[in-house]
């Protein structure tokens, strides 16, 4: 876990990590949220709708933004204030996602940073883009 102080963070800083989407993650997310939409829970239903298999929850994909801010940039001092998220394309079980974040600005008055985030699949296709405003606590 990173521990960047506000002073150490500069525009242009980047961090990234990878995660593989598993059936267990979909099941845990379903159990946590209660979302039983068959597109996420039934392979036959998803295939009938021209998907290669069960579609991962969009908010599961978006949840990796919390890992980006809370573990990587800035790390343990982070507190997400806002998140603007656009889901670009579906994610499936077995996909390997690369989560990338870059600091685009700092606000010295309120001690927050703005992160531009992108999540891409193993084919380099963008599945999510986001802009996060993240407070950096002392």
N, C-alpha and C. Protein backbone atom coordinates (compact mmCIF):
# COMPACT_ATOMS: atom_id res chain seq x y z
N UNK A 1 0.85 -1.18 0.00
CA UNK A 1 0.00 0.00 0.00
C UNK A 1 0.89 1.24 0.00
N UNK A 2 0.59 2.15 -0.91
CA UNK A 2 1.34 3.40 -0.96
C UNK A 2 0.89 4.34 0.14
N UNK A 3 1.75 5.30 0.44
CA UNK A 3 1.48 6.24 1.52
C UNK A 3 1.95 7.64 1.11
N UNK A 4 1.53 8.06 -0.09
CA UNK A 4 1.94 9.38 -0.57
C UNK A 4 1.30 10.47 0.28
N UNK A 5 2.11 11.44 0.68
CA UNK A 5 1.57 12.63 1.33
C UNK A 5 1.10 13.58 0.23
N UNK A 6 0.29 14.54 0.60
CA UNK A 6 -0.21 15.50 -0.38
C UNK A 6 0.95 16.21 -1.08
N UNK A 7 1.96 16.57 -0.32
CA UNK A 7 3.10 17.30 -0.86
C UNK A 7 3.88 16.47 -1.89
N UNK A 8 3.91 15.15 -1.72
CA UNK A 8 4.65 14.28 -2.63
C UNK A 8 3.96 14.06 -3.97
N UNK A 9 2.68 14.31 -4.01
CA UNK A 9 1.91 14.04 -5.23
C UNK A 9 2.05 15.21 -6.20
N UNK A 10 2.34 14.85 -7.44
CA UNK A 10 2.51 15.87 -8.49
C UNK A 10 1.66 15.50 -9.70
N UNK A 11 1.12 16.50 -10.41
CA UNK A 11 0.43 16.20 -11.66
C UNK A 11 1.34 15.38 -12.58
N UNK A 12 0.75 14.40 -13.22
CA UNK A 12 1.52 13.53 -14.10
C UNK A 12 1.90 12.21 -13.46
N UNK A 13 1.81 12.12 -12.12
CA UNK A 13 2.11 10.85 -11.44
C UNK A 13 1.11 9.81 -11.90
N UNK A 14 1.60 8.56 -12.05
CA UNK A 14 0.75 7.47 -12.51
C UNK A 14 0.97 6.23 -11.65
N UNK A 15 -0.07 5.46 -11.52
CA UNK A 15 -0.01 4.15 -10.88
C UNK A 15 -0.95 3.23 -11.65
N UNK A 16 -0.65 1.93 -11.62
CA UNK A 16 -1.53 0.96 -12.27
C UNK A 16 -1.40 -0.40 -11.60
N UNK A 17 -2.39 -1.24 -11.82
CA UNK A 17 -2.37 -2.61 -11.35
C UNK A 17 -3.30 -3.43 -12.23
N UNK A 18 -3.18 -4.75 -12.12
CA UNK A 18 -4.03 -5.65 -12.89
C UNK A 18 -4.86 -6.53 -11.97
N UNK A 19 -6.02 -6.94 -12.48
CA UNK A 19 -6.91 -7.83 -11.76
C UNK A 19 -7.61 -8.74 -12.77
N UNK A 20 -7.81 -9.99 -12.38
CA UNK A 20 -8.54 -10.93 -13.23
C UNK A 20 -9.95 -11.11 -12.68
N UNK A 21 -10.95 -11.01 -13.55
CA UNK A 21 -12.33 -11.16 -13.14
C UNK A 21 -12.65 -12.65 -13.03
N UNK A 22 -13.16 -13.05 -11.87
CA UNK A 22 -13.46 -14.46 -11.63
C UNK A 22 -14.95 -14.66 -11.34
N UNK A 23 -15.38 -15.89 -11.49
CA UNK A 23 -16.76 -16.24 -11.15
C UNK A 23 -17.02 -15.97 -9.67
N UNK A 24 -16.03 -16.23 -8.83
CA UNK A 24 -16.19 -16.01 -7.39
C UNK A 24 -16.44 -14.53 -7.08
N UNK A 25 -15.79 -13.64 -7.82
CA UNK A 25 -16.02 -12.21 -7.60
C UNK A 25 -17.45 -11.82 -7.96
N UNK A 26 -17.97 -12.35 -9.07
CA UNK A 26 -19.35 -12.06 -9.45
C UNK A 26 -20.31 -12.58 -8.38
N UNK A 27 -20.06 -13.77 -7.89
CA UNK A 27 -20.94 -14.34 -6.87
C UNK A 27 -20.88 -13.53 -5.57
N UNK A 28 -19.69 -13.10 -5.18
CA UNK A 28 -19.56 -12.29 -3.96
C UNK A 28 -20.25 -10.95 -4.13
N UNK A 29 -20.12 -10.34 -5.32
CA UNK A 29 -20.76 -9.05 -5.57
C UNK A 29 -22.29 -9.21 -5.54
N UNK A 30 -22.79 -10.29 -6.14
CA UNK A 30 -24.23 -10.55 -6.12
C UNK A 30 -24.73 -10.72 -4.69
N UNK A 31 -23.98 -11.46 -3.90
CA UNK A 31 -24.37 -11.68 -2.51
C UNK A 31 -24.35 -10.37 -1.72
N UNK A 32 -23.35 -9.56 -1.96
CA UNK A 32 -23.21 -8.28 -1.25
C UNK A 32 -24.32 -7.30 -1.63
N UNK A 33 -24.64 -7.22 -2.92
CA UNK A 33 -25.58 -6.20 -3.40
C UNK A 33 -27.01 -6.68 -3.55
N UNK A 34 -27.19 -7.99 -3.70
CA UNK A 34 -28.53 -8.51 -3.95
C UNK A 34 -28.97 -8.38 -5.39
N UNK A 35 -28.08 -7.98 -6.28
CA UNK A 35 -28.42 -7.82 -7.71
C UNK A 35 -28.42 -9.20 -8.37
N UNK A 36 -29.60 -9.71 -8.67
CA UNK A 36 -29.75 -11.04 -9.26
C UNK A 36 -30.11 -10.98 -10.74
N UNK A 37 -29.83 -9.90 -11.39
CA UNK A 37 -30.10 -9.77 -12.83
C UNK A 37 -29.50 -10.98 -13.55
N UNK A 38 -30.30 -11.71 -14.35
CA UNK A 38 -29.79 -12.92 -15.00
C UNK A 38 -28.65 -12.67 -15.99
N UNK A 39 -28.48 -11.46 -16.46
CA UNK A 39 -27.35 -11.16 -17.34
C UNK A 39 -26.03 -11.42 -16.61
N UNK A 40 -26.05 -11.25 -15.28
CA UNK A 40 -24.85 -11.45 -14.46
C UNK A 40 -24.80 -12.84 -13.81
N UNK A 41 -25.95 -13.50 -13.71
CA UNK A 41 -26.01 -14.75 -12.94
C UNK A 41 -26.24 -16.01 -13.77
N UNK A 42 -26.71 -15.85 -15.01
CA UNK A 42 -27.04 -17.02 -15.83
C UNK A 42 -26.35 -16.94 -17.18
N UNK A 43 -25.46 -17.89 -17.43
CA UNK A 43 -24.72 -17.91 -18.69
C UNK A 43 -25.65 -18.09 -19.89
N UNK A 44 -26.64 -18.96 -19.78
CA UNK A 44 -27.55 -19.19 -20.91
C UNK A 44 -28.30 -17.91 -21.27
N UNK A 45 -28.74 -17.16 -20.28
CA UNK A 45 -29.45 -15.90 -20.51
C UNK A 45 -28.54 -14.89 -21.22
N UNK A 46 -27.28 -14.78 -20.74
CA UNK A 46 -26.33 -13.84 -21.34
C UNK A 46 -26.04 -14.22 -22.80
N UNK A 47 -25.88 -15.52 -23.06
CA UNK A 47 -25.59 -15.97 -24.42
C UNK A 47 -26.77 -15.73 -25.36
N UNK A 48 -27.99 -15.86 -24.85
CA UNK A 48 -29.18 -15.56 -25.65
C UNK A 48 -29.20 -14.10 -26.07
N UNK A 49 -28.49 -13.26 -25.36
CA UNK A 49 -28.43 -11.83 -25.66
C UNK A 49 -27.10 -11.43 -26.31
N UNK A 50 -26.49 -12.42 -26.95
CA UNK A 50 -25.28 -12.22 -27.78
C UNK A 50 -24.03 -11.85 -26.99
N UNK A 51 -23.94 -12.27 -25.74
CA UNK A 51 -22.71 -12.13 -24.96
C UNK A 51 -22.03 -13.49 -24.92
N UNK A 52 -20.71 -13.52 -24.83
CA UNK A 52 -20.01 -14.81 -24.80
C UNK A 52 -20.18 -15.57 -23.49
N UNK A 53 -20.68 -14.92 -22.49
CA UNK A 53 -20.90 -15.52 -21.18
C UNK A 53 -21.48 -14.47 -20.25
N UNK A 54 -21.50 -14.80 -18.95
CA UNK A 54 -22.04 -13.86 -17.97
C UNK A 54 -21.29 -12.54 -18.02
N UNK A 55 -22.05 -11.46 -17.92
CA UNK A 55 -21.47 -10.12 -17.93
C UNK A 55 -21.14 -9.73 -16.49
N UNK A 56 -19.93 -9.27 -16.28
CA UNK A 56 -19.55 -8.79 -14.95
C UNK A 56 -20.33 -7.53 -14.62
N UNK A 57 -20.64 -7.35 -13.37
CA UNK A 57 -21.34 -6.15 -12.92
C UNK A 57 -20.49 -4.92 -13.24
N UNK A 58 -21.12 -3.90 -13.84
CA UNK A 58 -20.39 -2.67 -14.13
C UNK A 58 -19.84 -2.04 -12.87
N UNK A 59 -20.61 -2.11 -11.79
CA UNK A 59 -20.15 -1.51 -10.55
C UNK A 59 -19.05 -2.33 -9.89
N UNK A 60 -18.96 -3.62 -10.21
CA UNK A 60 -17.80 -4.40 -9.77
C UNK A 60 -16.55 -3.86 -10.45
N UNK A 61 -16.64 -3.64 -11.75
CA UNK A 61 -15.51 -3.06 -12.48
C UNK A 61 -15.16 -1.70 -11.90
N UNK A 62 -16.18 -0.88 -11.65
CA UNK A 62 -15.94 0.46 -11.10
C UNK A 62 -15.36 0.41 -9.69
N UNK A 63 -15.62 -0.67 -8.97
CA UNK A 63 -15.12 -0.75 -7.58
C UNK A 63 -13.60 -0.78 -7.52
N UNK A 64 -12.95 -1.15 -8.62
CA UNK A 64 -11.49 -1.15 -8.63
C UNK A 64 -10.92 0.27 -8.59
N UNK A 65 -11.78 1.27 -8.81
CA UNK A 65 -11.34 2.66 -8.64
C UNK A 65 -11.04 2.93 -7.17
N UNK A 66 -11.77 2.28 -6.29
CA UNK A 66 -11.49 2.41 -4.86
C UNK A 66 -10.12 1.85 -4.53
N UNK A 67 -9.78 0.72 -5.14
CA UNK A 67 -8.44 0.15 -4.95
C UNK A 67 -7.37 1.08 -5.50
N UNK A 68 -7.64 1.66 -6.66
CA UNK A 68 -6.68 2.59 -7.25
C UNK A 68 -6.36 3.72 -6.28
N UNK A 69 -7.39 4.37 -5.75
CA UNK A 69 -7.17 5.51 -4.85
C UNK A 69 -6.70 5.06 -3.46
N UNK A 70 -7.30 4.02 -2.93
CA UNK A 70 -7.05 3.63 -1.55
C UNK A 70 -5.78 2.84 -1.32
N UNK A 71 -5.23 2.25 -2.39
CA UNK A 71 -4.02 1.45 -2.24
C UNK A 71 -2.85 2.05 -3.02
N UNK A 72 -3.12 2.59 -4.20
CA UNK A 72 -2.05 3.00 -5.10
C UNK A 72 -1.79 4.51 -5.16
N UNK A 73 -2.83 5.31 -5.37
CA UNK A 73 -2.60 6.74 -5.57
C UNK A 73 -3.77 7.55 -5.06
N UNK A 74 -3.67 8.15 -3.89
CA UNK A 74 -2.49 8.35 -3.08
C UNK A 74 -2.16 7.21 -2.12
N UNK A 75 -3.09 6.27 -1.93
CA UNK A 75 -2.83 5.19 -0.98
C UNK A 75 -3.63 5.39 0.30
N UNK A 76 -3.02 5.04 1.40
CA UNK A 76 -3.76 4.97 2.68
C UNK A 76 -4.33 6.30 3.15
N UNK A 77 -3.86 7.43 2.62
CA UNK A 77 -4.36 8.75 3.06
C UNK A 77 -5.57 9.22 2.24
N UNK A 78 -6.09 8.38 1.35
CA UNK A 78 -7.12 8.83 0.41
C UNK A 78 -8.53 8.78 1.00
N UNK A 79 -9.36 9.67 0.49
CA UNK A 79 -10.79 9.68 0.76
C UNK A 79 -11.46 10.20 -0.51
N UNK A 80 -12.13 9.29 -1.23
CA UNK A 80 -12.76 9.69 -2.49
C UNK A 80 -13.93 10.62 -2.20
N UNK A 81 -13.94 11.78 -2.87
CA UNK A 81 -15.03 12.76 -2.71
C UNK A 81 -16.07 12.57 -3.81
N UNK A 82 -15.63 12.47 -5.06
CA UNK A 82 -16.55 12.29 -6.18
C UNK A 82 -15.95 11.33 -7.20
N UNK A 83 -16.84 10.72 -7.96
CA UNK A 83 -16.42 9.84 -9.04
C UNK A 83 -17.39 10.01 -10.21
N UNK A 84 -16.86 10.36 -11.35
CA UNK A 84 -17.64 10.41 -12.59
C UNK A 84 -17.18 9.21 -13.41
N UNK A 85 -18.11 8.30 -13.67
CA UNK A 85 -17.76 7.02 -14.28
C UNK A 85 -18.53 6.81 -15.56
N UNK A 86 -17.84 6.34 -16.59
CA UNK A 86 -18.51 5.94 -17.83
C UNK A 86 -18.08 4.51 -18.15
N UNK A 87 -19.07 3.62 -18.22
CA UNK A 87 -18.81 2.23 -18.59
C UNK A 87 -18.82 2.16 -20.11
N UNK A 88 -17.70 1.76 -20.68
CA UNK A 88 -17.52 1.80 -22.13
C UNK A 88 -17.93 0.52 -22.85
N UNK A 89 -17.65 -0.65 -22.23
CA UNK A 89 -17.99 -1.94 -22.84
C UNK A 89 -18.07 -3.01 -21.77
N UNK A 90 -18.74 -4.12 -22.08
CA UNK A 90 -18.90 -5.18 -21.08
C UNK A 90 -17.59 -5.85 -20.70
N UNK A 91 -17.58 -6.39 -19.49
CA UNK A 91 -16.47 -7.17 -18.96
C UNK A 91 -17.01 -8.56 -18.66
N UNK A 92 -16.16 -9.58 -18.89
CA UNK A 92 -16.60 -10.96 -18.72
C UNK A 92 -15.66 -11.72 -17.78
N UNK A 93 -16.16 -12.83 -17.26
CA UNK A 93 -15.33 -13.72 -16.44
C UNK A 93 -14.10 -14.12 -17.25
N UNK A 94 -12.95 -14.05 -16.62
CA UNK A 94 -11.68 -14.37 -17.27
C UNK A 94 -10.95 -13.17 -17.83
N UNK A 95 -11.64 -12.04 -17.97
CA UNK A 95 -10.96 -10.84 -18.45
C UNK A 95 -9.90 -10.39 -17.45
N UNK A 96 -8.78 -9.94 -17.98
CA UNK A 96 -7.72 -9.37 -17.15
C UNK A 96 -7.74 -7.87 -17.39
N UNK A 97 -8.03 -7.14 -16.34
CA UNK A 97 -8.18 -5.69 -16.43
C UNK A 97 -6.93 -4.99 -15.92
N UNK A 98 -6.54 -3.94 -16.63
CA UNK A 98 -5.48 -3.06 -16.17
C UNK A 98 -6.13 -1.75 -15.75
N UNK A 99 -5.94 -1.40 -14.50
CA UNK A 99 -6.51 -0.18 -13.92
C UNK A 99 -5.39 0.83 -13.84
N UNK A 100 -5.57 1.97 -14.50
CA UNK A 100 -4.53 3.01 -14.57
C UNK A 100 -5.08 4.33 -14.06
N UNK A 101 -4.28 5.03 -13.29
CA UNK A 101 -4.68 6.34 -12.81
C UNK A 101 -3.56 7.34 -12.97
N UNK A 102 -3.93 8.56 -13.30
CA UNK A 102 -2.96 9.65 -13.45
C UNK A 102 -3.49 10.90 -12.76
N UNK A 103 -2.62 11.54 -11.99
CA UNK A 103 -2.98 12.80 -11.35
C UNK A 103 -2.99 13.89 -12.42
N UNK A 104 -4.14 14.56 -12.56
CA UNK A 104 -4.23 15.63 -13.56
C UNK A 104 -4.22 17.02 -12.94
N UNK A 105 -4.56 17.10 -11.65
CA UNK A 105 -4.48 18.40 -10.97
C UNK A 105 -4.47 18.23 -9.46
N UNK A 106 -4.05 19.29 -8.78
CA UNK A 106 -4.05 19.37 -7.32
C UNK A 106 -4.77 20.64 -6.91
N UNK A 107 -5.49 20.56 -5.81
CA UNK A 107 -6.15 21.74 -5.26
C UNK A 107 -5.58 21.97 -3.87
N UNK A 108 -4.67 22.95 -3.77
CA UNK A 108 -3.99 23.21 -2.50
C UNK A 108 -4.91 23.77 -1.44
N UNK A 109 -5.95 24.48 -1.83
CA UNK A 109 -6.87 25.06 -0.85
C UNK A 109 -7.60 23.98 -0.08
N UNK A 110 -8.10 22.97 -0.80
CA UNK A 110 -8.90 21.92 -0.16
C UNK A 110 -8.17 20.57 -0.05
N UNK A 111 -6.91 20.54 -0.47
CA UNK A 111 -6.06 19.35 -0.36
C UNK A 111 -6.67 18.11 -1.02
N UNK A 112 -7.06 18.29 -2.28
CA UNK A 112 -7.51 17.12 -3.01
C UNK A 112 -6.79 17.06 -4.35
N UNK A 113 -6.78 15.86 -4.92
CA UNK A 113 -6.22 15.66 -6.25
C UNK A 113 -7.34 15.19 -7.17
N UNK A 114 -7.11 15.37 -8.46
CA UNK A 114 -8.02 14.83 -9.47
C UNK A 114 -7.25 13.72 -10.19
N UNK A 115 -7.87 12.54 -10.23
CA UNK A 115 -7.30 11.40 -10.93
C UNK A 115 -8.11 11.11 -12.18
N UNK A 116 -7.43 10.98 -13.29
CA UNK A 116 -8.06 10.47 -14.51
C UNK A 116 -7.77 8.98 -14.51
N UNK A 117 -8.81 8.17 -14.58
CA UNK A 117 -8.65 6.72 -14.52
C UNK A 117 -9.19 6.06 -15.78
N UNK A 118 -8.52 5.00 -16.18
CA UNK A 118 -8.95 4.20 -17.32
C UNK A 118 -8.77 2.74 -16.94
N UNK A 119 -9.75 1.92 -17.29
CA UNK A 119 -9.62 0.48 -17.12
C UNK A 119 -9.73 -0.15 -18.50
N UNK A 120 -8.73 -0.97 -18.85
CA UNK A 120 -8.69 -1.64 -20.15
C UNK A 120 -8.68 -3.14 -19.94
N UNK A 121 -9.23 -3.86 -20.91
CA UNK A 121 -9.19 -5.32 -20.84
C UNK A 121 -7.89 -5.84 -21.43
N UNK A 122 -7.74 -7.16 -21.48
CA UNK A 122 -6.52 -7.79 -21.96
C UNK A 122 -6.23 -7.50 -23.43
N UNK A 123 -7.23 -7.04 -24.17
CA UNK A 123 -7.04 -6.69 -25.58
C UNK A 123 -6.71 -5.21 -25.75
N UNK A 124 -6.55 -4.51 -24.63
CA UNK A 124 -6.24 -3.08 -24.69
C UNK A 124 -7.45 -2.21 -24.96
N UNK A 125 -8.64 -2.79 -24.91
CA UNK A 125 -9.87 -2.03 -25.14
C UNK A 125 -10.36 -1.40 -23.85
N UNK A 126 -10.72 -0.13 -23.93
CA UNK A 126 -11.20 0.60 -22.76
C UNK A 126 -12.57 0.09 -22.35
N UNK A 127 -12.70 -0.34 -21.09
CA UNK A 127 -13.99 -0.80 -20.58
C UNK A 127 -14.62 0.23 -19.65
N UNK A 128 -13.81 1.14 -19.12
CA UNK A 128 -14.30 2.17 -18.20
C UNK A 128 -13.36 3.35 -18.23
N UNK A 129 -13.93 4.54 -18.11
CA UNK A 129 -13.11 5.72 -17.87
C UNK A 129 -13.77 6.51 -16.74
N UNK A 130 -12.95 7.22 -15.99
CA UNK A 130 -13.48 7.92 -14.82
C UNK A 130 -12.61 9.11 -14.47
N UNK A 131 -13.23 10.01 -13.73
CA UNK A 131 -12.53 11.14 -13.14
C UNK A 131 -12.89 11.11 -11.65
N UNK A 132 -11.85 11.07 -10.81
CA UNK A 132 -12.06 11.00 -9.36
C UNK A 132 -11.49 12.25 -8.70
N UNK A 133 -12.22 12.76 -7.74
CA UNK A 133 -11.69 13.81 -6.87
C UNK A 133 -11.40 13.12 -5.55
N UNK A 134 -10.14 13.15 -5.13
CA UNK A 134 -9.71 12.38 -3.97
C UNK A 134 -9.04 13.30 -2.95
N UNK A 135 -9.59 13.34 -1.77
CA UNK A 135 -8.94 14.07 -0.70
C UNK A 135 -7.73 13.31 -0.20
N UNK A 136 -6.71 14.05 0.21
CA UNK A 136 -5.50 13.44 0.75
C UNK A 136 -5.35 13.92 2.19
N UNK A 137 -5.61 13.01 3.13
CA UNK A 137 -5.58 13.35 4.54
C UNK A 137 -4.15 13.39 5.04
N UNK A 138 -3.95 14.09 6.13
CA UNK A 138 -2.61 14.19 6.71
C UNK A 138 -2.25 12.94 7.47
